[in-house]
């Protein structure tokens, strides 16, 4: 058993978005994502085979969806993204880390 803190061990270099797997099994994957001004390239979409429940723990973000309105997220907000719901990260705060907790199931 290892004790960790979701807000600790933030890399100094955030030139690239960070995807850190916390737990993985056959049916579930839990990851911490750290963004700092990162966005999904304009013509690319996440189109995942699993459902994704995501919570914004710190920072702010805007998610875009193929057939739905954009959603602005602030710390504490969470939503469930059904499998194959195409989505993009359209904006994250450029001056501070945005920390996500994502559960793929």
C-alpha atoms as a PDB file:
ATOM      1  CA  UNK A   1       0.000   0.000   0.000  1.00  0.00           C
ATOM      2  CA  UNK A   2       1.402   3.391  -1.014  1.00  0.00           C
ATOM      3  CA  UNK A   3       0.072   6.751   0.157  1.00  0.00           C
ATOM      4  CA  UNK A   4       0.041   9.468  -2.512  1.00  0.00           C
ATOM      5  CA  UNK A   5      -1.417  12.960  -2.888  1.00  0.00           C
ATOM      6  CA  UNK A   6      -3.106  14.022  -6.140  1.00  0.00           C
ATOM      7  CA  UNK A   7      -1.754  17.587  -5.732  1.00  0.00           C
ATOM      8  CA  UNK A   8       1.883  16.580  -5.138  1.00  0.00           C
ATOM      9  CA  UNK A   9       4.670  15.615  -7.532  1.00  0.00           C
ATOM     10  CA  UNK A  10       3.581  18.065 -10.236  1.00  0.00           C
ATOM     11  CA  UNK A  11       6.341  18.089 -12.884  1.00  0.00           C
ATOM     12  CA  UNK A  12       8.222  21.366 -13.291  1.00  0.00           C
ATOM     13  CA  UNK A  13       8.198  20.974 -17.072  1.00  0.00           C
ATOM     14  CA  UNK A  14       4.652  21.048 -18.431  1.00  0.00           C
ATOM     15  CA  UNK A  15       5.511  21.626 -22.086  1.00  0.00           C
ATOM     16  CA  UNK A  16       3.408  18.520 -22.740  1.00  0.00           C
ATOM     17  CA  UNK A  17       0.191  17.509 -21.039  1.00  0.00           C
ATOM     18  CA  UNK A  18       0.808  14.814 -18.398  1.00  0.00           C
ATOM     19  CA  UNK A  19      -1.250  11.586 -18.259  1.00  0.00           C
ATOM     20  CA  UNK A  20      -0.434   9.571 -15.131  1.00  0.00           C
ATOM     21  CA  UNK A  21      -2.079   6.191 -14.635  1.00  0.00           C
ATOM     22  CA  UNK A  22      -3.022   5.715 -10.975  1.00  0.00           C
ATOM     23  CA  UNK A  23      -4.957   2.415 -11.139  1.00  0.00           C
ATOM     24  CA  UNK A  24      -5.617  -0.062 -13.950  1.00  0.00           C
ATOM     25  CA  UNK A  25      -7.550  -3.322 -14.095  1.00  0.00           C
ATOM     26  CA  UNK A  26      -9.515  -5.166 -16.753  1.00  0.00           C
ATOM     27  CA  UNK A  27     -12.597  -2.983 -16.215  1.00  0.00           C
ATOM     28  CA  UNK A  28     -11.334   0.379 -14.983  1.00  0.00           C
ATOM     29  CA  UNK A  29      -8.515   2.866 -15.436  1.00  0.00           C
ATOM     30  CA  UNK A  30      -8.054   5.886 -13.173  1.00  0.00           C
ATOM     31  CA  UNK A  31      -5.645   8.608 -14.222  1.00  0.00           C
ATOM     32  CA  UNK A  32      -4.473  12.040 -13.212  1.00  0.00           C
ATOM     33  CA  UNK A  33      -4.160  14.488 -16.084  1.00  0.00           C
ATOM     34  CA  UNK A  34      -2.244  17.755 -15.725  1.00  0.00           C
ATOM     35  CA  UNK A  35      -2.808  20.511 -18.268  1.00  0.00           C
ATOM     36  CA  UNK A  36      -1.417  24.032 -18.407  1.00  0.00           C
ATOM     37  CA  UNK A  37      -2.753  25.846 -21.443  1.00  0.00           C
ATOM     38  CA  UNK A  38      -3.023  22.558 -23.359  1.00  0.00           C
ATOM     39  CA  UNK A  39      -5.812  21.914 -25.862  1.00  0.00           C
ATOM     40  CA  UNK A  40      -6.753  19.133 -28.256  1.00  0.00           C
ATOM     41  CA  UNK A  41      -5.630  19.978 -31.815  1.00  0.00           C
ATOM     42  CA  UNK A  42      -8.547  21.580 -33.693  1.00  0.00           C
ATOM     43  CA  UNK A  43      -9.417  18.684 -36.018  1.00  0.00           C
ATOM     44  CA  UNK A  44      -8.694  15.854 -33.555  1.00  0.00           C
ATOM     45  CA  UNK A  45     -11.253  14.221 -31.266  1.00  0.00           C
ATOM     46  CA  UNK A  46     -11.141  11.849 -28.331  1.00  0.00           C
ATOM     47  CA  UNK A  47     -13.383   8.914 -29.352  1.00  0.00           C
ATOM     48  CA  UNK A  48     -12.973   6.358 -26.607  1.00  0.00           C
ATOM     49  CA  UNK A  49     -14.331   2.822 -26.410  1.00  0.00           C
ATOM     50  CA  UNK A  50     -15.063   3.201 -22.681  1.00  0.00           C
ATOM     51  CA  UNK A  51     -17.193   5.640 -20.682  1.00  0.00           C
ATOM     52  CA  UNK A  52     -15.190   8.365 -18.948  1.00  0.00           C
ATOM     53  CA  UNK A  53     -16.146  10.079 -15.715  1.00  0.00           C
ATOM     54  CA  UNK A  54     -13.994  13.154 -15.239  1.00  0.00           C
ATOM     55  CA  UNK A  55     -13.661  15.632 -12.366  1.00  0.00           C
ATOM     56  CA  UNK A  56     -11.764  18.900 -12.443  1.00  0.00           C
ATOM     57  CA  UNK A  57      -9.849  19.121  -9.167  1.00  0.00           C
ATOM     58  CA  UNK A  58      -7.959  22.371  -9.818  1.00  0.00           C
ATOM     59  CA  UNK A  59      -7.953  25.054 -12.509  1.00  0.00           C
ATOM     60  CA  UNK A  60     -10.468  25.667 -15.277  1.00  0.00           C
ATOM     61  CA  UNK A  61     -11.216  24.096 -18.645  1.00  0.00           C
ATOM     62  CA  UNK A  62     -13.632  24.089 -21.567  1.00  0.00           C
ATOM     63  CA  UNK A  63     -14.682  20.808 -23.193  1.00  0.00           C
ATOM     64  CA  UNK A  64     -16.163  20.747 -26.685  1.00  0.00           C
ATOM     65  CA  UNK A  65     -18.385  17.993 -28.059  1.00  0.00           C
ATOM     66  CA  UNK A  66     -19.222  17.002 -31.613  1.00  0.00           C
ATOM     67  CA  UNK A  67     -23.020  17.298 -31.234  1.00  0.00           C
ATOM     68  CA  UNK A  68     -23.398  19.119 -27.913  1.00  0.00           C
ATOM     69  CA  UNK A  69     -22.706  22.615 -26.566  1.00  0.00           C
ATOM     70  CA  UNK A  70     -19.369  23.381 -24.918  1.00  0.00           C
ATOM     71  CA  UNK A  71     -19.080  22.872 -21.177  1.00  0.00           C
ATOM     72  CA  UNK A  72     -16.984  25.147 -18.948  1.00  0.00           C
ATOM     73  CA  UNK A  73     -15.542  23.336 -15.934  1.00  0.00           C
ATOM     74  CA  UNK A  74     -14.286  24.807 -12.683  1.00  0.00           C
ATOM     75  CA  UNK A  75     -12.727  23.057  -9.696  1.00  0.00           C
ATOM     76  CA  UNK A  76     -15.183  20.524  -8.284  1.00  0.00           C
ATOM     77  CA  UNK A  77     -17.190  20.087 -11.490  1.00  0.00           C
ATOM     78  CA  UNK A  78     -17.560  16.570 -12.883  1.00  0.00           C
ATOM     79  CA  UNK A  79     -19.349  14.872 -15.744  1.00  0.00           C
ATOM     80  CA  UNK A  80     -19.772  11.517 -17.404  1.00  0.00           C
ATOM     81  CA  UNK A  81     -18.778  11.231 -21.065  1.00  0.00           C
ATOM     82  CA  UNK A  82     -20.399   8.197 -22.718  1.00  0.00           C
ATOM     83  CA  UNK A  83     -18.277   5.862 -24.827  1.00  0.00           C
ATOM     84  CA  UNK A  84     -17.748   7.178 -28.376  1.00  0.00           C
ATOM     85  CA  UNK A  85     -18.983  10.686 -27.495  1.00  0.00           C
ATOM     86  CA  UNK A  86     -16.429  12.677 -29.480  1.00  0.00           C
ATOM     87  CA  UNK A  87     -14.926  15.449 -27.381  1.00  0.00           C
ATOM     88  CA  UNK A  88     -12.019  17.873 -27.226  1.00  0.00           C
ATOM     89  CA  UNK A  89     -10.275  19.992 -24.635  1.00  0.00           C
ATOM     90  CA  UNK A  90     -10.754  23.466 -26.107  1.00  0.00           C
ATOM     91  CA  UNK A  91      -9.140  25.528 -23.338  1.00  0.00           C
ATOM     92  CA  UNK A  92      -7.273  25.156 -20.058  1.00  0.00           C
ATOM     93  CA  UNK A  93      -5.869  27.920 -17.885  1.00  0.00           C
ATOM     94  CA  UNK A  94      -2.491  28.942 -19.288  1.00  0.00           C
ATOM     95  CA  UNK A  95      -1.051  30.358 -16.057  1.00  0.00           C
ATOM     96  CA  UNK A  96      -1.762  27.541 -13.584  1.00  0.00           C
ATOM     97  CA  UNK A  97      -2.069  23.772 -13.596  1.00  0.00           C
ATOM     98  CA  UNK A  98      -5.434  22.224 -14.380  1.00  0.00           C
ATOM     99  CA  UNK A  99      -5.650  18.876 -12.581  1.00  0.00           C
ATOM    100  CA  UNK A 100      -8.173  16.291 -13.766  1.00  0.00           C
ATOM    101  CA  UNK A 101      -9.193  12.961 -12.273  1.00  0.00           C
ATOM    102  CA  UNK A 102     -10.434  10.656 -15.041  1.00  0.00           C
ATOM    103  CA  UNK A 103     -12.095   7.280 -14.537  1.00  0.00           C
ATOM    104  CA  UNK A 104     -12.426   5.136 -17.672  1.00  0.00           C
ATOM    105  CA  UNK A 105     -14.877   2.255 -17.227  1.00  0.00           C
END
